[in-house]
Amino acid sequence: FFTTAISYLSVLLTVTGKGAVPQ
């Protein structure tokens, strides 16, 4: 669950332009 949630959040941050780097 955690990995899926983190990946999802990372994608959202990247899309919003936060420049988040997916682990």
C-alpha atoms as a PDB file:
ATOM      1  CA  PHE A   1       0.000   0.000   0.000  1.00  0.00           C
ATOM      2  CA  PHE A   2       2.736   2.407   0.997  1.00  0.00           C
ATOM      3  CA  THR A   3       4.735   1.945  -2.199  1.00  0.00           C
ATOM      4  CA  THR A   4       1.628   2.471  -4.311  1.00  0.00           C
ATOM      5  CA  ALA A   5       0.623   5.563  -2.349  1.00  0.00           C
ATOM      6  CA  ILE A   6       4.119   7.065  -2.505  1.00  0.00           C
ATOM      7  CA  SER A   7       4.374   6.380  -6.228  1.00  0.00           C
ATOM      8  CA  TYR A   8       0.943   7.930  -6.791  1.00  0.00           C
ATOM      9  CA  LEU A   9       1.814  11.003  -4.750  1.00  0.00           C
ATOM     10  CA  SER A  10       5.152  11.328  -6.522  1.00  0.00           C
ATOM     11  CA  VAL A  11       3.393  11.295  -9.884  1.00  0.00           C
ATOM     12  CA  LEU A  12       0.930  13.931  -8.697  1.00  0.00           C
ATOM     13  CA  LEU A  13       3.744  16.145  -7.431  1.00  0.00           C
ATOM     14  CA  THR A  14       5.621  15.772 -10.695  1.00  0.00           C
ATOM     15  CA  VAL A  15       2.509  16.618 -12.707  1.00  0.00           C
ATOM     16  CA  THR A  16       1.801  19.665 -10.565  1.00  0.00           C
ATOM     17  CA  GLY A  17       5.330  20.847 -11.293  1.00  0.00           C
ATOM     18  CA  LYS A  18       6.812  20.232  -7.869  1.00  0.00           C
ATOM     19  CA  GLY A  19       9.638  18.316  -9.498  1.00  0.00           C
ATOM     20  CA  ALA A  20       9.310  15.369  -7.144  1.00  0.00           C
ATOM     21  CA  VAL A  21      11.646  12.466  -7.858  1.00  0.00           C
ATOM     22  CA  PRO A  22       9.933   9.050  -7.637  1.00  0.00           C
ATOM     23  CA  GLN A  23      11.843   6.653  -5.433  1.00  0.00           C
END
